[in-house]
Amino acid sequence: MANNDKSQLEKINKALEKHGIFNEEQLYEAIKNMKPLNIGCMVSPVPPCKKR
C-alpha cells in the first residue's frame, strides 16, 4: 500500500472516530440508520441530447 493511501485511510479513520465509529460493525449500523441523502444539489443538469 502506498504511503498516500495509508495517509488517506488514517484521515478517514480519524473522521469516523470523531463520530464514535471504531469498527466495521459500528460503521454498518451507522450507514443503516442514516437518513436518505438528497444528492440533487450536487450534480449539474445535463442538456437533452439532440436527435439526428
PDB file of N, CA and C in Angstrom:
ATOM      1  N   MET A   1       0.851  -1.174   0.000  1.00  0.00           N
ATOM      2  CA  MET A   1       0.000   0.000   0.000  1.00  0.00           C
ATOM      3  C   MET A   1       0.900   1.241   0.000  1.00  0.00           C
ATOM      4  N   ALA A   2       0.592   2.189  -0.847  1.00  0.00           N
ATOM      5  CA  ALA A   2       1.385   3.407  -0.956  1.00  0.00           C
ATOM      6  C   ALA A   2       1.215   4.265   0.296  1.00  0.00           C
ATOM      7  N   ASN A   3       2.205   5.101   0.543  1.00  0.00           N
ATOM      8  CA  ASN A   3       2.185   5.983   1.710  1.00  0.00           C
ATOM      9  C   ASN A   3       0.974   6.906   1.675  1.00  0.00           C
ATOM     10  N   ASN A   4       0.632   7.404   0.487  1.00  0.00           N
ATOM     11  CA  ASN A   4      -0.511   8.302   0.348  1.00  0.00           C
ATOM     12  C   ASN A   4      -1.813   7.579   0.705  1.00  0.00           C
ATOM     13  N   ASP A   5      -1.909   6.304   0.329  1.00  0.00           N
ATOM     14  CA  ASP A   5      -3.098   5.516   0.669  1.00  0.00           C
ATOM     15  C   ASP A   5      -3.239   5.367   2.184  1.00  0.00           C
ATOM     16  N   LYS A   6      -2.121   5.118   2.848  1.00  0.00           N
ATOM     17  CA  LYS A   6      -2.146   4.986   4.311  1.00  0.00           C
ATOM     18  C   LYS A   6      -2.569   6.290   4.955  1.00  0.00           C
ATOM     19  N   SER A   7      -2.076   7.400   4.418  1.00  0.00           N
ATOM     20  CA  SER A   7      -2.430   8.718   4.939  1.00  0.00           C
ATOM     21  C   SER A   7      -3.929   8.964   4.791  1.00  0.00           C
ATOM     22  N   GLN A   8      -4.474   8.611   3.643  1.00  0.00           N
ATOM     23  CA  GLN A   8      -5.908   8.782   3.409  1.00  0.00           C
ATOM     24  C   GLN A   8      -6.724   7.924   4.368  1.00  0.00           C
ATOM     25  N   LEU A   9      -6.299   6.676   4.580  1.00  0.00           N
ATOM     26  CA  LEU A   9      -7.006   5.789   5.498  1.00  0.00           C
ATOM     27  C   LEU A   9      -6.960   6.331   6.924  1.00  0.00           C
ATOM     28  N   GLU A  10      -5.835   6.885   7.319  1.00  0.00           N
ATOM     29  CA  GLU A  10      -5.724   7.463   8.656  1.00  0.00           C
ATOM     30  C   GLU A  10      -6.690   8.634   8.819  1.00  0.00           C
ATOM     31  N   LYS A  11      -6.814   9.462   7.798  1.00  0.00           N
ATOM     32  CA  LYS A  11      -7.738  10.599   7.843  1.00  0.00           C
ATOM     33  C   LYS A  11      -9.184  10.115   7.951  1.00  0.00           C
ATOM     34  N   ILE A  12      -9.504   9.079   7.201  1.00  0.00           N
ATOM     35  CA  ILE A  12     -10.865   8.523   7.233  1.00  0.00           C
ATOM     36  C   ILE A  12     -11.146   7.945   8.619  1.00  0.00           C
ATOM     37  N   ASN A  13     -10.192   7.195   9.160  1.00  0.00           N
ATOM     38  CA  ASN A  13     -10.369   6.602  10.492  1.00  0.00           C
ATOM     39  C   ASN A  13     -10.555   7.670  11.559  1.00  0.00           C
ATOM     40  N   LYS A  14      -9.792   8.757  11.487  1.00  0.00           N
ATOM     41  CA  LYS A  14      -9.936   9.844  12.469  1.00  0.00           C
ATOM     42  C   LYS A  14     -11.319  10.477  12.366  1.00  0.00           C
ATOM     43  N   ALA A  15     -11.798  10.683  11.136  1.00  0.00           N
ATOM     44  CA  ALA A  15     -13.122  11.281  10.948  1.00  0.00           C
ATOM     45  C   ALA A  15     -14.206  10.365  11.501  1.00  0.00           C
ATOM     46  N   LEU A  16     -14.096   9.062  11.269  1.00  0.00           N
ATOM     47  CA  LEU A  16     -15.080   8.114  11.793  1.00  0.00           C
ATOM     48  C   LEU A  16     -15.049   8.083  13.315  1.00  0.00           C
ATOM     49  N   GLU A  17     -13.849   8.117  13.887  1.00  0.00           N
ATOM     50  CA  GLU A  17     -13.724   8.082  15.342  1.00  0.00           C
ATOM     51  C   GLU A  17     -14.366   9.302  15.993  1.00  0.00           C
ATOM     52  N   LYS A  18     -14.335  10.446  15.318  1.00  0.00           N
ATOM     53  CA  LYS A  18     -14.986  11.646  15.847  1.00  0.00           C
ATOM     54  C   LYS A  18     -16.485  11.439  16.003  1.00  0.00           C
ATOM     55  N   HIS A  19     -17.037  10.529  15.204  1.00  0.00           N
ATOM     56  CA  HIS A  19     -18.470  10.236  15.254  1.00  0.00           C
ATOM     57  C   HIS A  19     -18.767   8.951  16.018  1.00  0.00           C
ATOM     58  N   GLY A  20     -17.775   8.461  16.759  1.00  0.00           N
ATOM     59  CA  GLY A  20     -17.983   7.292  17.602  1.00  0.00           C
ATOM     60  C   GLY A  20     -17.975   5.962  16.857  1.00  0.00           C
ATOM     61  N   ILE A  21     -17.374   5.934  15.687  1.00  0.00           N
ATOM     62  CA  ILE A  21     -17.311   4.704  14.900  1.00  0.00           C
ATOM     63  C   ILE A  21     -15.883   4.180  14.959  1.00  0.00           C
ATOM     64  N   PHE A  22     -15.722   3.007  15.600  1.00  0.00           N
ATOM     65  CA  PHE A  22     -14.396   2.454  15.816  1.00  0.00           C
ATOM     66  C   PHE A  22     -14.183   1.103  15.151  1.00  0.00           C
ATOM     67  N   ASN A  23     -15.257   0.507  14.624  1.00  0.00           N
ATOM     68  CA  ASN A  23     -15.080  -0.782  13.961  1.00  0.00           C
ATOM     69  C   ASN A  23     -16.104  -0.926  12.826  1.00  0.00           C
ATOM     70  N   GLU A  24     -15.961  -1.996  12.077  1.00  0.00           N
ATOM     71  CA  GLU A  24     -16.789  -2.223  10.893  1.00  0.00           C
ATOM     72  C   GLU A  24     -18.266  -2.382  11.248  1.00  0.00           C
ATOM     73  N   GLU A  25     -18.548  -3.070  12.349  1.00  0.00           N
ATOM     74  CA  GLU A  25     -19.941  -3.273  12.767  1.00  0.00           C
ATOM     75  C   GLU A  25     -20.623  -1.933  13.076  1.00  0.00           C
ATOM     76  N   GLN A  26     -19.914  -1.052  13.773  1.00  0.00           N
ATOM     77  CA  GLN A  26     -20.473   0.267  14.074  1.00  0.00           C
ATOM     78  C   GLN A  26     -20.689   1.079  12.800  1.00  0.00           C
ATOM     79  N   LEU A  27     -19.786   0.933  11.830  1.00  0.00           N
ATOM     80  CA  LEU A  27     -19.932   1.642  10.557  1.00  0.00           C
ATOM     81  C   LEU A  27     -21.178   1.169   9.826  1.00  0.00           C
ATOM     82  N   TYR A  28     -21.375  -0.143   9.738  1.00  0.00           N
ATOM     83  CA  TYR A  28     -22.565  -0.674   9.065  1.00  0.00           C
ATOM     84  C   TYR A  28     -23.852  -0.224   9.760  1.00  0.00           C
ATOM     85  N   GLU A  29     -23.832  -0.203  11.071  1.00  0.00           N
ATOM     86  CA  GLU A  29     -25.012   0.236  11.826  1.00  0.00           C
ATOM     87  C   GLU A  29     -25.305   1.717  11.562  1.00  0.00           C
ATOM     88  N   ALA A  30     -24.255   2.534  11.513  1.00  0.00           N
ATOM     89  CA  ALA A  30     -24.437   3.958  11.235  1.00  0.00           C
ATOM     90  C   ALA A  30     -24.989   4.184   9.834  1.00  0.00           C
ATOM     91  N   ILE A  31     -24.491   3.428   8.863  1.00  0.00           N
ATOM     92  CA  ILE A  31     -24.986   3.546   7.488  1.00  0.00           C
ATOM     93  C   ILE A  31     -26.448   3.131   7.425  1.00  0.00           C
ATOM     94  N   LYS A  32     -26.797   2.052   8.129  1.00  0.00           N
ATOM     95  CA  LYS A  32     -28.173   1.550   8.130  1.00  0.00           C
ATOM     96  C   LYS A  32     -29.144   2.576   8.710  1.00  0.00           C
ATOM     97  N   ASN A  33     -28.680   3.360   9.697  1.00  0.00           N
ATOM     98  CA  ASN A  33     -29.540   4.319  10.383  1.00  0.00           C
ATOM     99  C   ASN A  33     -29.506   5.726   9.777  1.00  0.00           C
ATOM    100  N   MET A  34     -28.747   5.894   8.691  1.00  0.00           N
ATOM    101  CA  MET A  34     -28.653   7.221   8.062  1.00  0.00           C
ATOM    102  C   MET A  34     -29.966   7.625   7.416  1.00  0.00           C
ATOM    103  N   LYS A  35     -30.218   8.926   7.434  1.00  0.00           N
ATOM    104  CA  LYS A  35     -31.352   9.454   6.693  1.00  0.00           C
ATOM    105  C   LYS A  35     -30.961   9.508   5.225  1.00  0.00           C
ATOM    106  N   PRO A  36     -31.929   9.408   4.313  1.00  0.00           N
ATOM    107  CA  PRO A  36     -31.601   9.480   2.884  1.00  0.00           C
ATOM    108  C   PRO A  36     -30.951  10.823   2.538  1.00  0.00           C
ATOM    109  N   LEU A  37     -29.984  10.774   1.626  1.00  0.00           N
ATOM    110  CA  LEU A  37     -29.303  11.982   1.188  1.00  0.00           C
ATOM    111  C   LEU A  37     -29.918  12.491  -0.104  1.00  0.00           C
ATOM    112  N   ASN A  38     -30.099  13.790  -0.202  1.00  0.00           N
ATOM    113  CA  ASN A  38     -30.559  14.398  -1.441  1.00  0.00           C
ATOM    114  C   ASN A  38     -29.323  14.872  -2.197  1.00  0.00           C
ATOM    115  N   ILE A  39     -28.926  14.110  -3.212  1.00  0.00           N
ATOM    116  CA  ILE A  39     -27.730  14.480  -3.958  1.00  0.00           C
ATOM    117  C   ILE A  39     -28.056  15.350  -5.163  1.00  0.00           C
ATOM    118  N   GLY A  40     -29.301  15.735  -5.308  1.00  0.00           N
ATOM    119  CA  GLY A  40     -29.710  16.561  -6.433  1.00  0.00           C
ATOM    120  C   GLY A  40     -28.980  17.884  -6.492  1.00  0.00           C
ATOM    121  N   CYS A  41     -28.598  18.402  -5.340  1.00  0.00           N
ATOM    122  CA  CYS A  41     -27.893  19.685  -5.307  1.00  0.00           C
ATOM    123  C   CYS A  41     -26.412  19.525  -5.663  1.00  0.00           C
ATOM    124  N   MET A  42     -25.942  18.300  -5.808  1.00  0.00           N
ATOM    125  CA  MET A  42     -24.522  18.058  -6.069  1.00  0.00           C
ATOM    126  C   MET A  42     -24.219  17.735  -7.522  1.00  0.00           C
ATOM    127  N   VAL A  43     -25.216  17.720  -8.371  1.00  0.00           N
ATOM    128  CA  VAL A  43     -24.992  17.373  -9.774  1.00  0.00           C
ATOM    129  C   VAL A  43     -25.469  18.506 -10.668  1.00  0.00           C
ATOM    130  N   SER A  44     -24.855  18.608 -11.818  1.00  0.00           N
ATOM    131  CA  SER A  44     -25.262  19.615 -12.789  1.00  0.00           C
ATOM    132  C   SER A  44     -26.240  18.989 -13.763  1.00  0.00           C
ATOM    133  N   PRO A  45     -27.255  19.754 -14.185  1.00  0.00           N
ATOM    134  CA  PRO A  45     -28.192  19.196 -15.157  1.00  0.00           C
ATOM    135  C   PRO A  45     -27.495  18.935 -16.497  1.00  0.00           C
ATOM    136  N   VAL A  46     -27.902  17.886 -17.162  1.00  0.00           N
ATOM    137  CA  VAL A  46     -27.332  17.523 -18.452  1.00  0.00           C
ATOM    138  C   VAL A  46     -28.334  17.960 -19.520  1.00  0.00           C
ATOM    139  N   PRO A  47     -27.860  18.745 -20.509  1.00  0.00           N
ATOM    140  CA  PRO A  47     -28.803  19.180 -21.549  1.00  0.00           C
ATOM    141  C   PRO A  47     -29.292  17.970 -22.349  1.00  0.00           C
ATOM    142  N   PRO A  48     -30.532  18.025 -22.826  1.00  0.00           N
ATOM    143  CA  PRO A  48     -31.056  16.902 -23.601  1.00  0.00           C
ATOM    144  C   PRO A  48     -30.246  16.700 -24.872  1.00  0.00           C
ATOM    145  N   CYS A  49     -30.118  15.452 -25.255  1.00  0.00           N
ATOM    146  CA  CYS A  49     -29.370  15.093 -26.466  1.00  0.00           C
ATOM    147  C   CYS A  49     -30.209  15.435 -27.698  1.00  0.00           C
ATOM    148  N   LYS A  50     -29.587  16.078 -28.690  1.00  0.00           N
ATOM    149  CA  LYS A  50     -30.306  16.429 -29.929  1.00  0.00           C
ATOM    150  C   LYS A  50     -30.420  15.182 -30.798  1.00  0.00           C
ATOM    151  N   LYS A  51     -31.604  14.997 -31.366  1.00  0.00           N
ATOM    152  CA  LYS A  51     -31.822  13.851 -32.253  1.00  0.00           C
ATOM    153  C   LYS A  51     -31.225  14.181 -33.612  1.00  0.00           C
ATOM    154  N   ARG A  52     -30.689  13.167 -34.271  1.00  0.00           N
ATOM    155  CA  ARG A  52     -30.057  13.359 -35.590  1.00  0.00           C
ATOM    156  C   ARG A  52     -31.043  13.297 -36.694  1.00  0.00           C
TER     157      ARG A  52
END
